[in-house]
Amino acid sequence: MQFWMNLVLVVQLLSALVMIGLVLVQHGKGADMGASFGSGASGSLFGATGSANFLSRSTAVCATVFFVCTLGLAYMSNSRSGASTTETILDKAAPAAPAASGAAAIPGAAPVAVDAPAPAASK
């Protein structure tokens, strides 16, 4: 199982790097806007829009591979610990906090004498 997780992780990382490269190489739609105001031969305001070219299709394929690898990693990591433990994090007991008295819990507070007798009320 560990071999498959490592293989899927490597494929995911490679598809992410290729997708980053493809997005950076692509030519934006707004880049030809200045050319449409007299200096270029564009047909519309934001350039000619045709069918998807090779770069955009390659980006879509890389994105699909990336998301499939992400879902596969999530499934494998969840199923790896599924049958052995049925206890969730909510079922576990909270760790016990150390017992502290009122003023002792305040940082920088003066120590309080516990054995000091209370002052007697005068009549």
PDB file of N, CA and C in Angstrom:
ATOM      1  N   MET A   1       0.828  -1.191   0.000  1.00  0.00           N
ATOM      2  CA  MET A   1       0.000   0.000   0.000  1.00  0.00           C
ATOM      3  C   MET A   1       0.873   1.255   0.000  1.00  0.00           C
ATOM      4  N   GLN A   2       1.995   1.192   0.703  1.00  0.00           N
ATOM      5  CA  GLN A   2       2.888   2.348   0.764  1.00  0.00           C
ATOM      6  C   GLN A   2       3.481   2.646  -0.607  1.00  0.00           C
ATOM      7  N   PHE A   3       3.759   1.599  -1.387  1.00  0.00           N
ATOM      8  CA  PHE A   3       4.292   1.792  -2.740  1.00  0.00           C
ATOM      9  C   PHE A   3       3.308   2.570  -3.607  1.00  0.00           C
ATOM     10  N   TRP A   4       2.016   2.200  -3.517  1.00  0.00           N
ATOM     11  CA  TRP A   4       1.010   2.882  -4.343  1.00  0.00           C
ATOM     12  C   TRP A   4       0.824   4.338  -3.911  1.00  0.00           C
ATOM     13  N   MET A   5       0.889   4.574  -2.608  1.00  0.00           N
ATOM     14  CA  MET A   5       0.756   5.957  -2.145  1.00  0.00           C
ATOM     15  C   MET A   5       1.919   6.812  -2.632  1.00  0.00           C
ATOM     16  N   ASN A   6       3.131   6.243  -2.590  1.00  0.00           N
ATOM     17  CA  ASN A   6       4.293   6.989  -3.086  1.00  0.00           C
ATOM     18  C   ASN A   6       4.191   7.232  -4.584  1.00  0.00           C
ATOM     19  N   LEU A   7       3.724   6.234  -5.329  1.00  0.00           N
ATOM     20  CA  LEU A   7       3.581   6.384  -6.778  1.00  0.00           C
ATOM     21  C   LEU A   7       2.544   7.454  -7.127  1.00  0.00           C
ATOM     22  N   VAL A   8       1.414   7.430  -6.458  1.00  0.00           N
ATOM     23  CA  VAL A   8       0.367   8.426  -6.714  1.00  0.00           C
ATOM     24  C   VAL A   8       0.855   9.816  -6.321  1.00  0.00           C
ATOM     25  N   LEU A   9       1.617   9.909  -5.227  1.00  0.00           N
ATOM     26  CA  LEU A   9       2.153  11.193  -4.793  1.00  0.00           C
ATOM     27  C   LEU A   9       3.134  11.753  -5.814  1.00  0.00           C
ATOM     28  N   VAL A  10       3.986  10.904  -6.379  1.00  0.00           N
ATOM     29  CA  VAL A  10       4.935  11.357  -7.402  1.00  0.00           C
ATOM     30  C   VAL A  10       4.193  11.822  -8.656  1.00  0.00           C
ATOM     31  N   VAL A  11       3.158  11.076  -9.065  1.00  0.00           N
ATOM     32  CA  VAL A  11       2.373  11.484 -10.239  1.00  0.00           C
ATOM     33  C   VAL A  11       1.673  12.806  -9.967  1.00  0.00           C
ATOM     34  N   GLN A  12       1.170  12.997  -8.755  1.00  0.00           N
ATOM     35  CA  GLN A  12       0.504  14.252  -8.415  1.00  0.00           C
ATOM     36  C   GLN A  12       1.478  15.424  -8.460  1.00  0.00           C
ATOM     37  N   LEU A  13       2.663  15.253  -7.908  1.00  0.00           N
ATOM     38  CA  LEU A  13       3.651  16.333  -7.921  1.00  0.00           C
ATOM     39  C   LEU A  13       4.095  16.668  -9.342  1.00  0.00           C
ATOM     40  N   LEU A  14       4.311  15.648 -10.161  1.00  0.00           N
ATOM     41  CA  LEU A  14       4.708  15.904 -11.549  1.00  0.00           C
ATOM     42  C   LEU A  14       3.599  16.609 -12.331  1.00  0.00           C
ATOM     43  N   SER A  15       2.357  16.183 -12.126  1.00  0.00           N
ATOM     44  CA  SER A  15       1.265  16.850 -12.839  1.00  0.00           C
ATOM     45  C   SER A  15       1.098  18.291 -12.367  1.00  0.00           C
ATOM     46  N   ALA A  16       1.343  18.555 -11.088  1.00  0.00           N
ATOM     47  CA  ALA A  16       1.252  19.931 -10.582  1.00  0.00           C
ATOM     48  C   ALA A  16       2.334  20.807 -11.202  1.00  0.00           C
ATOM     49  N   LEU A  17       3.557  20.290 -11.285  1.00  0.00           N
ATOM     50  CA  LEU A  17       4.645  21.078 -11.876  1.00  0.00           C
ATOM     51  C   LEU A  17       4.421  21.325 -13.368  1.00  0.00           C
ATOM     52  N   VAL A  18       3.952  20.310 -14.082  1.00  0.00           N
ATOM     53  CA  VAL A  18       3.664  20.479 -15.510  1.00  0.00           C
ATOM     54  C   VAL A  18       2.527  21.472 -15.704  1.00  0.00           C
ATOM     55  N   MET A  19       1.516  21.400 -14.846  1.00  0.00           N
ATOM     56  CA  MET A  19       0.391  22.324 -14.961  1.00  0.00           C
ATOM     57  C   MET A  19       0.828  23.764 -14.684  1.00  0.00           C
ATOM     58  N   ILE A  20       1.703  23.963 -13.720  1.00  0.00           N
ATOM     59  CA  ILE A  20       2.226  25.310 -13.452  1.00  0.00           C
ATOM     60  C   ILE A  20       2.979  25.830 -14.666  1.00  0.00           C
ATOM     61  N   GLY A  21       3.817  24.988 -15.254  1.00  0.00           N
ATOM     62  CA  GLY A  21       4.555  25.396 -16.447  1.00  0.00           C
ATOM     63  C   GLY A  21       3.646  25.720 -17.616  1.00  0.00           C
ATOM     64  N   LEU A  22       2.603  24.907 -17.827  1.00  0.00           N
ATOM     65  CA  LEU A  22       1.685  25.158 -18.939  1.00  0.00           C
ATOM     66  C   LEU A  22       0.903  26.452 -18.750  1.00  0.00           C
ATOM     67  N   VAL A  23       0.509  26.740 -17.517  1.00  0.00           N
ATOM     68  CA  VAL A  23      -0.233  27.979 -17.267  1.00  0.00           C
ATOM     69  C   VAL A  23       0.667  29.189 -17.495  1.00  0.00           C
ATOM     70  N   LEU A  24       1.931  29.086 -17.100  1.00  0.00           N
ATOM     71  CA  LEU A  24       2.839  30.224 -17.287  1.00  0.00           C
ATOM     72  C   LEU A  24       3.195  30.446 -18.753  1.00  0.00           C
ATOM     73  N   VAL A  25       3.189  29.401 -19.569  1.00  0.00           N
ATOM     74  CA  VAL A  25       3.547  29.536 -20.977  1.00  0.00           C
ATOM     75  C   VAL A  25       2.386  30.076 -21.813  1.00  0.00           C
ATOM     76  N   GLN A  26       1.149  29.861 -21.356  1.00  0.00           N
ATOM     77  CA  GLN A  26      -0.027  30.243 -22.152  1.00  0.00           C
ATOM     78  C   GLN A  26      -0.108  31.751 -22.339  1.00  0.00           C
ATOM     79  N   HIS A  27      -0.717  32.107 -23.435  1.00  0.00           N
ATOM     80  CA  HIS A  27      -0.904  33.509 -23.812  1.00  0.00           C
ATOM     81  C   HIS A  27      -2.284  33.937 -23.325  1.00  0.00           C
ATOM     82  N   GLY A  28      -2.362  35.009 -22.548  1.00  0.00           N
ATOM     83  CA  GLY A  28      -3.636  35.455 -22.001  1.00  0.00           C
ATOM     84  C   GLY A  28      -4.552  36.051 -23.046  1.00  0.00           C
ATOM     85  N   LYS A  29      -5.865  36.056 -22.756  1.00  0.00           N
ATOM     86  CA  LYS A  29      -6.843  36.610 -23.697  1.00  0.00           C
ATOM     87  C   LYS A  29      -6.743  38.127 -23.782  1.00  0.00           C
ATOM     88  N   GLY A  30      -6.406  38.783 -22.712  1.00  0.00           N
ATOM     89  CA  GLY A  30      -6.342  40.235 -22.699  1.00  0.00           C
ATOM     90  C   GLY A  30      -5.047  40.787 -23.255  1.00  0.00           C
ATOM     91  N   ALA A  31      -4.119  39.938 -23.643  1.00  0.00           N
ATOM     92  CA  ALA A  31      -2.824  40.414 -24.128  1.00  0.00           C
ATOM     93  C   ALA A  31      -2.937  41.089 -25.493  1.00  0.00           C
ATOM     94  N   ASP A  32      -3.915  40.716 -26.293  1.00  0.00           N
ATOM     95  CA  ASP A  32      -4.086  41.302 -27.625  1.00  0.00           C
ATOM     96  C   ASP A  32      -5.035  42.486 -27.633  1.00  0.00           C
ATOM     97  N   MET A  33      -5.388  43.014 -26.498  1.00  0.00           N
ATOM     98  CA  MET A  33      -6.346  44.107 -26.435  1.00  0.00           C
ATOM     99  C   MET A  33      -5.787  45.373 -27.080  1.00  0.00           C
ATOM    100  N   GLY A  34      -4.534  45.648 -26.856  1.00  0.00           N
ATOM    101  CA  GLY A  34      -3.929  46.827 -27.467  1.00  0.00           C
ATOM    102  C   GLY A  34      -3.810  46.689 -28.972  1.00  0.00           C
ATOM    103  N   ALA A  35      -3.664  45.472 -29.430  1.00  0.00           N
ATOM    104  CA  ALA A  35      -3.534  45.238 -30.867  1.00  0.00           C
ATOM    105  C   ALA A  35      -4.857  45.458 -31.595  1.00  0.00           C
ATOM    106  N   SER A  36      -5.980  45.338 -30.899  1.00  0.00           N
ATOM    107  CA  SER A  36      -7.265  45.484 -31.578  1.00  0.00           C
ATOM    108  C   SER A  36      -7.649  46.936 -31.798  1.00  0.00           C
ATOM    109  N   PHE A  37      -6.923  47.882 -31.235  1.00  0.00           N
ATOM    110  CA  PHE A  37      -7.247  49.295 -31.410  1.00  0.00           C
ATOM    111  C   PHE A  37      -6.397  49.940 -32.498  1.00  0.00           C
ATOM    112  N   GLY A  38      -6.106  49.210 -33.545  1.00  0.00           N
ATOM    113  CA  GLY A  38      -5.464  49.838 -34.686  1.00  0.00           C
ATOM    114  C   GLY A  38      -4.133  49.256 -35.090  1.00  0.00           C
ATOM    115  N   SER A  39      -3.408  48.621 -34.187  1.00  0.00           N
ATOM    116  CA  SER A  39      -2.091  48.151 -34.576  1.00  0.00           C
ATOM    117  C   SER A  39      -2.074  46.672 -34.930  1.00  0.00           C
ATOM    118  N   GLY A  40      -3.171  45.983 -34.752  1.00  0.00           N
ATOM    119  CA  GLY A  40      -3.186  44.551 -35.051  1.00  0.00           C
ATOM    120  C   GLY A  40      -4.356  44.173 -35.929  1.00  0.00           C
ATOM    121  N   ALA A  41      -4.437  42.919 -36.262  1.00  0.00           N
ATOM    122  CA  ALA A  41      -5.494  42.435 -37.145  1.00  0.00           C
ATOM    123  C   ALA A  41      -6.442  41.509 -36.395  1.00  0.00           C
ATOM    124  N   SER A  42      -6.710  41.802 -35.136  1.00  0.00           N
ATOM    125  CA  SER A  42      -7.602  40.955 -34.347  1.00  0.00           C
ATOM    126  C   SER A  42      -9.039  41.186 -34.773  1.00  0.00           C
ATOM    127  N   GLY A  43      -9.847  40.148 -34.644  1.00  0.00           N
ATOM    128  CA  GLY A  43     -11.231  40.252 -35.082  1.00  0.00           C
ATOM    129  C   GLY A  43     -12.146  40.829 -34.032  1.00  0.00           C
ATOM    130  N   SER A  44     -11.821  40.740 -32.765  1.00  0.00           N
ATOM    131  CA  SER A  44     -12.685  41.256 -31.711  1.00  0.00           C
ATOM    132  C   SER A  44     -11.850  42.033 -30.702  1.00  0.00           C
ATOM    133  N   LEU A  45     -12.511  42.522 -29.662  1.00  0.00           N
ATOM    134  CA  LEU A  45     -11.829  43.367 -28.688  1.00  0.00           C
ATOM    135  C   LEU A  45     -10.741  42.609 -27.918  1.00  0.00           C
ATOM    136  N   PHE A  46     -11.003  41.358 -27.553  1.00  0.00           N
ATOM    137  CA  PHE A  46     -10.043  40.586 -26.766  1.00  0.00           C
ATOM    138  C   PHE A  46      -9.319  39.529 -27.591  1.00  0.00           C
ATOM    139  N   GLY A  47      -9.258  39.687 -28.859  1.00  0.00           N
ATOM    140  CA  GLY A  47      -8.541  38.739 -29.709  1.00  0.00           C
ATOM    141  C   GLY A  47      -9.474  37.657 -30.217  1.00  0.00           C
ATOM    142  N   ALA A  48      -8.991  36.925 -31.174  1.00  0.00           N
ATOM    143  CA  ALA A  48      -9.797  35.866 -31.761  1.00  0.00           C
ATOM    144  C   ALA A  48      -9.899  34.696 -30.783  1.00  0.00           C
ATOM    145  N   THR A  49     -11.108  34.234 -30.559  1.00  0.00           N
ATOM    146  CA  THR A  49     -11.321  33.091 -29.671  1.00  0.00           C
ATOM    147  C   THR A  49     -11.781  31.927 -30.524  1.00  0.00           C
ATOM    148  N   GLY A  50     -10.984  30.933 -30.593  1.00  0.00           N
ATOM    149  CA  GLY A  50     -11.314  29.743 -31.366  1.00  0.00           C
ATOM    150  C   GLY A  50     -11.482  28.562 -30.446  1.00  0.00           C
ATOM    151  N   SER A  51     -11.358  27.383 -31.004  1.00  0.00           N
ATOM    152  CA  SER A  51     -11.453  26.189 -30.177  1.00  0.00           C
ATOM    153  C   SER A  51     -10.195  26.075 -29.313  1.00  0.00           C
ATOM    154  N   ALA A  52     -10.277  25.232 -28.340  1.00  0.00           N
ATOM    155  CA  ALA A  52      -9.169  25.096 -27.397  1.00  0.00           C
ATOM    156  C   ALA A  52      -7.926  24.584 -28.122  1.00  0.00           C
ATOM    157  N   ASN A  53      -6.817  25.218 -27.876  1.00  0.00           N
ATOM    158  CA  ASN A  53      -5.582  24.789 -28.528  1.00  0.00           C
ATOM    159  C   ASN A  53      -4.871  23.743 -27.675  1.00  0.00           C
ATOM    160  N   PHE A  54      -3.698  23.359 -28.083  1.00  0.00           N
ATOM    161  CA  PHE A  54      -2.969  22.275 -27.424  1.00  0.00           C
ATOM    162  C   PHE A  54      -2.633  22.601 -25.975  1.00  0.00           C
ATOM    163  N   LEU A  55      -2.242  23.837 -25.701  1.00  0.00           N
ATOM    164  CA  LEU A  55      -1.837  24.186 -24.335  1.00  0.00           C
ATOM    165  C   LEU A  55      -3.005  24.126 -23.350  1.00  0.00           C
ATOM    166  N   SER A  56      -4.142  24.625 -23.754  1.00  0.00           N
ATOM    167  CA  SER A  56      -5.278  24.618 -22.830  1.00  0.00           C
ATOM    168  C   SER A  56      -5.812  23.200 -22.625  1.00  0.00           C
ATOM    169  N   ARG A  57      -5.778  22.370 -23.664  1.00  0.00           N
ATOM    170  CA  ARG A  57      -6.193  20.978 -23.484  1.00  0.00           C
ATOM    171  C   ARG A  57      -5.212  20.227 -22.602  1.00  0.00           C
ATOM    172  N   SER A  58      -3.934  20.494 -22.775  1.00  0.00           N
ATOM    173  CA  SER A  58      -2.923  19.846 -21.928  1.00  0.00           C
ATOM    174  C   SER A  58      -3.090  20.267 -20.475  1.00  0.00           C
ATOM    175  N   THR A  59      -3.412  21.536 -20.242  1.00  0.00           N
ATOM    176  CA  THR A  59      -3.649  22.017 -18.882  1.00  0.00           C
ATOM    177  C   THR A  59      -4.853  21.332 -18.266  1.00  0.00           C
ATOM    178  N   ALA A  60      -5.902  21.138 -19.052  1.00  0.00           N
ATOM    179  CA  ALA A  60      -7.095  20.456 -18.547  1.00  0.00           C
ATOM    180  C   ALA A  60      -6.787  18.998 -18.192  1.00  0.00           C
ATOM    181  N   VAL A  61      -5.981  18.335 -19.016  1.00  0.00           N
ATOM    182  CA  VAL A  61      -5.609  16.945 -18.723  1.00  0.00           C
ATOM    183  C   VAL A  61      -4.774  16.876 -17.446  1.00  0.00           C
ATOM    184  N   CYS A  62      -3.815  17.797 -17.300  1.00  0.00           N
ATOM    185  CA  CYS A  62      -2.983  17.815 -16.081  1.00  0.00           C
ATOM    186  C   CYS A  62      -3.825  18.110 -14.842  1.00  0.00           C
ATOM    187  N   ALA A  63      -4.796  19.002 -14.958  1.00  0.00           N
ATOM    188  CA  ALA A  63      -5.670  19.308 -13.819  1.00  0.00           C
ATOM    189  C   ALA A  63      -6.512  18.091 -13.450  1.00  0.00           C
ATOM    190  N   THR A  64      -6.988  17.353 -14.442  1.00  0.00           N
ATOM    191  CA  THR A  64      -7.768  16.147 -14.173  1.00  0.00           C
ATOM    192  C   THR A  64      -6.916  15.093 -13.478  1.00  0.00           C
ATOM    193  N   VAL A  65      -5.696  14.892 -13.949  1.00  0.00           N
ATOM    194  CA  VAL A  65      -4.787  13.930 -13.316  1.00  0.00           C
ATOM    195  C   VAL A  65      -4.487  14.355 -11.881  1.00  0.00           C
ATOM    196  N   PHE A  66      -4.287  15.658 -11.659  1.00  0.00           N
ATOM    197  CA  PHE A  66      -3.999  16.171 -10.326  1.00  0.00           C
ATOM    198  C   PHE A  66      -5.153  15.893  -9.363  1.00  0.00           C
ATOM    199  N   PHE A  67      -6.394  16.162  -9.802  1.00  0.00           N
ATOM    200  CA  PHE A  67      -7.539  15.955  -8.921  1.00  0.00           C
ATOM    201  C   PHE A  67      -7.806  14.477  -8.677  1.00  0.00           C
ATOM    202  N   VAL A  68      -7.593  13.634  -9.680  1.00  0.00           N
ATOM    203  CA  VAL A  68      -7.770  12.195  -9.480  1.00  0.00           C
ATOM    204  C   VAL A  68      -6.728  11.671  -8.494  1.00  0.00           C
ATOM    205  N   CYS A  69      -5.498  12.149  -8.604  1.00  0.00           N
ATOM    206  CA  CYS A  69      -4.455  11.741  -7.651  1.00  0.00           C
ATOM    207  C   CYS A  69      -4.779  12.224  -6.241  1.00  0.00           C
ATOM    208  N   THR A  70      -5.328  13.422  -6.122  1.00  0.00           N
ATOM    209  CA  THR A  70      -5.711  13.940  -4.810  1.00  0.00           C
ATOM    210  C   THR A  70      -6.797  13.085  -4.177  1.00  0.00           C
ATOM    211  N   LEU A  71      -7.802  12.711  -4.967  1.00  0.00           N
ATOM    212  CA  LEU A  71      -8.867  11.853  -4.446  1.00  0.00           C
ATOM    213  C   LEU A  71      -8.328  10.469  -4.090  1.00  0.00           C
ATOM    214  N   GLY A  72      -7.415   9.945  -4.895  1.00  0.00           N
ATOM    215  CA  GLY A  72      -6.819   8.649  -4.602  1.00  0.00           C
ATOM    216  C   GLY A  72      -6.006   8.664  -3.317  1.00  0.00           C
ATOM    217  N   LEU A  73      -5.225   9.719  -3.116  1.00  0.00           N
ATOM    218  CA  LEU A  73      -4.454   9.837  -1.875  1.00  0.00           C
ATOM    219  C   LEU A  73      -5.358   9.957  -0.662  1.00  0.00           C
ATOM    220  N   ALA A  74      -6.442  10.708  -0.793  1.00  0.00           N
ATOM    221  CA  ALA A  74      -7.376  10.850   0.322  1.00  0.00           C
ATOM    222  C   ALA A  74      -8.038   9.508   0.646  1.00  0.00           C
ATOM    223  N   TYR A  75      -8.399   8.763  -0.381  1.00  0.00           N
ATOM    224  CA  TYR A  75      -9.028   7.452  -0.151  1.00  0.00           C
ATOM    225  C   TYR A  75      -8.047   6.483   0.499  1.00  0.00           C
ATOM    226  N   MET A  76      -6.819   6.443  -0.021  1.00  0.00           N
ATOM    227  CA  MET A  76      -5.836   5.496   0.524  1.00  0.00           C
ATOM    228  C   MET A  76      -5.427   5.848   1.954  1.00  0.00           C
ATOM    229  N   SER A  77      -5.317   7.115   2.265  1.00  0.00           N
ATOM    230  CA  SER A  77      -4.930   7.483   3.630  1.00  0.00           C
ATOM    231  C   SER A  77      -6.063   7.227   4.612  1.00  0.00           C
ATOM    232  N   ASN A  78      -7.299   7.316   4.164  1.00  0.00           N
ATOM    233  CA  ASN A  78      -8.432   7.054   5.040  1.00  0.00           C
ATOM    234  C   ASN A  78      -8.644   5.557   5.222  1.00  0.00           C
ATOM    235  N   SER A  79      -8.464   4.767   4.182  1.00  0.00           N
ATOM    236  CA  SER A  79      -8.705   3.336   4.290  1.00  0.00           C
ATOM    237  C   SER A  79      -7.554   2.613   4.970  1.00  0.00           C
ATOM    238  N   ARG A  80      -6.399   3.237   5.075  1.00  0.00           N
ATOM    239  CA  ARG A  80      -5.251   2.596   5.702  1.00  0.00           C
ATOM    240  C   ARG A  80      -5.491   2.374   7.187  1.00  0.00           C
ATOM    241  N   SER A  81      -6.139   3.295   7.867  1.00  0.00           N
ATOM    242  CA  SER A  81      -6.354   3.171   9.311  1.00  0.00           C
ATOM    243  C   SER A  81      -7.810   2.875   9.646  1.00  0.00           C
ATOM    244  N   GLY A  82      -8.594   2.428   8.691  1.00  0.00           N
ATOM    245  CA  GLY A  82     -10.029   2.248   8.908  1.00  0.00           C
ATOM    246  C   GLY A  82     -10.398   1.034   9.734  1.00  0.00           C
ATOM    247  N   ALA A  83      -9.859  -0.146   9.417  1.00  0.00           N
ATOM    248  CA  ALA A  83     -10.302  -1.374  10.072  1.00  0.00           C
ATOM    249  C   ALA A  83      -9.657  -1.571  11.438  1.00  0.00           C
ATOM    250  N   SER A  84      -8.481  -1.039  11.671  1.00  0.00           N
ATOM    251  CA  SER A  84      -7.774  -1.319  12.918  1.00  0.00           C
ATOM    252  C   SER A  84      -8.318  -0.532  14.098  1.00  0.00           C
ATOM    253  N   THR A  85      -8.752   0.682  13.894  1.00  0.00           N
ATOM    254  CA  THR A  85      -9.266   1.490  14.997  1.00  0.00           C
ATOM    255  C   THR A  85     -10.629   2.053  14.622  1.00  0.00           C
ATOM    256  N   THR A  86     -11.571   1.888  15.535  1.00  0.00           N
ATOM    257  CA  THR A  86     -12.892   2.468  15.321  1.00  0.00           C
ATOM    258  C   THR A  86     -13.110   3.680  16.203  1.00  0.00           C
ATOM    259  N   GLU A  87     -12.129   4.025  17.021  1.00  0.00           N
ATOM    260  CA  GLU A  87     -12.242   5.160  17.921  1.00  0.00           C
ATOM    261  C   GLU A  87     -11.851   6.438  17.186  1.00  0.00           C
ATOM    262  N   THR A  88     -12.664   7.464  17.310  1.00  0.00           N
ATOM    263  CA  THR A  88     -12.368   8.741  16.681  1.00  0.00           C
ATOM    264  C   THR A  88     -11.735   9.676  17.703  1.00  0.00           C
ATOM    265  N   ILE A  89     -11.300  10.807  17.248  1.00  0.00           N
ATOM    266  CA  ILE A  89     -10.685  11.799  18.137  1.00  0.00           C
ATOM    267  C   ILE A  89     -11.704  12.339  19.136  1.00  0.00           C
ATOM    268  N   LEU A  90     -12.985  12.324  18.766  1.00  0.00           N
ATOM    269  CA  LEU A  90     -14.017  12.816  19.673  1.00  0.00           C
ATOM    270  C   LEU A  90     -14.295  11.833  20.801  1.00  0.00           C
ATOM    271  N   ASP A  91     -13.970  10.545  20.598  1.00  0.00           N
ATOM    272  CA  ASP A  91     -14.212   9.545  21.630  1.00  0.00           C
ATOM    273  C   ASP A  91     -13.133   9.530  22.700  1.00  0.00           C
ATOM    274  N   LYS A  92     -11.978  10.082  22.424  1.00  0.00           N
ATOM    275  CA  LYS A  92     -10.877  10.075  23.374  1.00  0.00           C
ATOM    276  C   LYS A  92     -11.135  11.074  24.493  1.00  0.00           C
ATOM    277  N   ALA A  93     -10.630  10.744  25.691  1.00  0.00           N
ATOM    278  CA  ALA A  93     -10.800  11.619  26.845  1.00  0.00           C
ATOM    279  C   ALA A  93      -9.833  12.794  26.756  1.00  0.00           C
ATOM    280  N   ALA A  94     -10.252  13.918  27.269  1.00  0.00           N
ATOM    281  CA  ALA A  94      -9.395  15.106  27.284  1.00  0.00           C
ATOM    282  C   ALA A  94      -8.297  14.916  28.314  1.00  0.00           C
ATOM    283  N   PRO A  95      -7.086  15.408  28.060  1.00  0.00           N
ATOM    284  CA  PRO A  95      -6.022  15.277  29.055  1.00  0.00           C
ATOM    285  C   PRO A  95      -6.348  16.105  30.294  1.00  0.00           C
ATOM    286  N   ALA A  96      -5.992  15.565  31.446  1.00  0.00           N
ATOM    287  CA  ALA A  96      -6.287  16.236  32.714  1.00  0.00           C
ATOM    288  C   ALA A  96      -5.379  17.442  32.887  1.00  0.00           C
ATOM    289  N   ALA A  97      -5.972  18.558  33.303  1.00  0.00           N
ATOM    290  CA  ALA A  97      -5.202  19.775  33.547  1.00  0.00           C
ATOM    291  C   ALA A  97      -4.636  19.713  34.956  1.00  0.00           C
ATOM    292  N   PRO A  98      -3.446  20.264  35.174  1.00  0.00           N
ATOM    293  CA  PRO A  98      -2.888  20.256  36.534  1.00  0.00           C
ATOM    294  C   PRO A  98      -3.738  21.124  37.454  1.00  0.00           C
ATOM    295  N   ALA A  99      -3.927  20.640  38.680  1.00  0.00           N
ATOM    296  CA  ALA A  99      -4.748  21.370  39.647  1.00  0.00           C
ATOM    297  C   ALA A  99      -3.994  22.602  40.129  1.00  0.00           C
ATOM    298  N   ALA A 100      -4.686  23.722  40.120  1.00  0.00           N
ATOM    299  CA  ALA A 100      -4.084  24.968  40.575  1.00  0.00           C
ATOM    300  C   ALA A 100      -5.127  25.757  41.341  1.00  0.00           C
ATOM    301  N   SER A 101      -4.690  26.369  42.447  1.00  0.00           N
ATOM    302  CA  SER A 101      -5.611  27.185  43.217  1.00  0.00           C
ATOM    303  C   SER A 101      -5.682  28.579  42.603  1.00  0.00           C
ATOM    304  N   GLY A 102      -6.650  29.366  43.003  1.00  0.00           N
ATOM    305  CA  GLY A 102      -6.959  30.659  42.416  1.00  0.00           C
ATOM    306  C   GLY A 102      -5.794  31.566  42.114  1.00  0.00           C
ATOM    307  N   ALA A 103      -5.108  32.097  43.140  1.00  0.00           N
ATOM    308  CA  ALA A 103      -4.051  33.078  42.922  1.00  0.00           C
ATOM    309  C   ALA A 103      -2.788  32.434  42.379  1.00  0.00           C
ATOM    310  N   ALA A 104      -2.581  31.148  42.661  1.00  0.00           N
ATOM    311  CA  ALA A 104      -1.373  30.482  42.189  1.00  0.00           C
ATOM    312  C   ALA A 104      -1.409  30.302  40.673  1.00  0.00           C
ATOM    313  N   ALA A 105      -2.593  30.296  40.096  1.00  0.00           N
ATOM    314  CA  ALA A 105      -2.717  30.115  38.659  1.00  0.00           C
ATOM    315  C   ALA A 105      -2.435  31.405  37.907  1.00  0.00           C
ATOM    316  N   ILE A 106      -2.401  32.549  38.603  1.00  0.00           N
ATOM    317  CA  ILE A 106      -2.159  33.836  37.952  1.00  0.00           C
ATOM    318  C   ILE A 106      -0.660  34.082  37.907  1.00  0.00           C
ATOM    319  N   PRO A 107      -0.083  34.268  36.725  1.00  0.00           N
ATOM    320  CA  PRO A 107       1.360  34.515  36.649  1.00  0.00           C
ATOM    321  C   PRO A 107       1.720  35.840  37.306  1.00  0.00           C
ATOM    322  N   GLY A 108       2.763  35.837  38.114  1.00  0.00           N
ATOM    323  CA  GLY A 108       3.241  37.052  38.765  1.00  0.00           C
ATOM    324  C   GLY A 108       2.496  37.418  40.026  1.00  0.00           C
ATOM    325  N   ALA A 109       1.556  36.598  40.450  1.00  0.00           N
ATOM    326  CA  ALA A 109       0.800  36.908  41.662  1.00  0.00           C
ATOM    327  C   ALA A 109       1.636  36.551  42.889  1.00  0.00           C
ATOM    328  N   ALA A 110       1.411  37.282  43.965  1.00  0.00           N
ATOM    329  CA  ALA A 110       2.132  37.022  45.219  1.00  0.00           C
ATOM    330  C   ALA A 110       1.622  35.721  45.810  1.00  0.00           C
ATOM    331  N   PRO A 111       2.517  34.935  46.395  1.00  0.00           N
ATOM    332  CA  PRO A 111       2.073  33.674  47.004  1.00  0.00           C
ATOM    333  C   PRO A 111       1.121  33.948  48.162  1.00  0.00           C
ATOM    334  N   VAL A 112       0.151  33.087  48.298  1.00  0.00           N
ATOM    335  CA  VAL A 112      -0.852  33.225  49.341  1.00  0.00           C
ATOM    336  C   VAL A 112      -0.547  32.224  50.444  1.00  0.00           C
ATOM    337  N   ALA A 113      -0.530  32.710  51.686  1.00  0.00           N
ATOM    338  CA  ALA A 113      -0.301  31.811  52.833  1.00  0.00           C
ATOM    339  C   ALA A 113      -1.586  31.069  53.130  1.00  0.00           C
ATOM    340  N   VAL A 114      -1.525  29.760  53.181  1.00  0.00           N
ATOM    341  CA  VAL A 114      -2.712  28.949  53.379  1.00  0.00           C
ATOM    342  C   VAL A 114      -3.037  28.813  54.853  1.00  0.00           C
ATOM    343  N   ASP A 115      -2.018  28.776  55.742  1.00  0.00           N
ATOM    344  CA  ASP A 115      -2.230  28.502  57.163  1.00  0.00           C
ATOM    345  C   ASP A 115      -2.515  29.771  57.969  1.00  0.00           C
ATOM    346  N   ALA A 116      -2.610  30.922  57.351  1.00  0.00           N
ATOM    347  CA  ALA A 116      -2.832  32.161  58.097  1.00  0.00           C
ATOM    348  C   ALA A 116      -4.251  32.203  58.633  1.00  0.00           C
ATOM    349  N   PRO A 117      -4.386  32.523  59.946  1.00  0.00           N
ATOM    350  CA  PRO A 117      -5.735  32.587  60.518  1.00  0.00           C
ATOM    351  C   PRO A 117      -6.467  33.824  60.025  1.00  0.00           C
ATOM    352  N   ALA A 118      -7.744  33.710  59.926  1.00  0.00           N
ATOM    353  CA  ALA A 118      -8.558  34.831  59.490  1.00  0.00           C
ATOM    354  C   ALA A 118      -8.640  35.852  60.625  1.00  0.00           C
ATOM    355  N   PRO A 119      -8.624  37.159  60.319  1.00  0.00           N
ATOM    356  CA  PRO A 119      -8.715  38.168  61.381  1.00  0.00           C
ATOM    357  C   PRO A 119     -10.057  38.098  62.093  1.00  0.00           C
ATOM    358  N   ALA A 120      -9.994  38.257  63.431  1.00  0.00           N
ATOM    359  CA  ALA A 120     -11.213  38.161  64.240  1.00  0.00           C
ATOM    360  C   ALA A 120     -11.985  39.478  64.109  1.00  0.00           C
ATOM    361  N   ALA A 121     -13.257  39.353  64.032  1.00  0.00           N
ATOM    362  CA  ALA A 121     -14.110  40.540  63.939  1.00  0.00           C
ATOM    363  C   ALA A 121     -14.287  41.114  65.338  1.00  0.00           C
ATOM    364  N   SER A 122     -14.108  42.409  65.498  1.00  0.00           N
ATOM    365  CA  SER A 122     -14.256  43.051  66.805  1.00  0.00           C
ATOM    366  C   SER A 122     -15.694  43.439  67.031  1.00  0.00           C
ATOM    367  N   LYS A 123     -16.102  43.347  68.356  1.00  0.00           N
ATOM    368  CA  LYS A 123     -17.492  43.675  68.685  1.00  0.00           C
ATOM    369  C   LYS A 123     -17.592  44.988  69.348  1.00  0.00           C
TER     370      LYS A 123
END
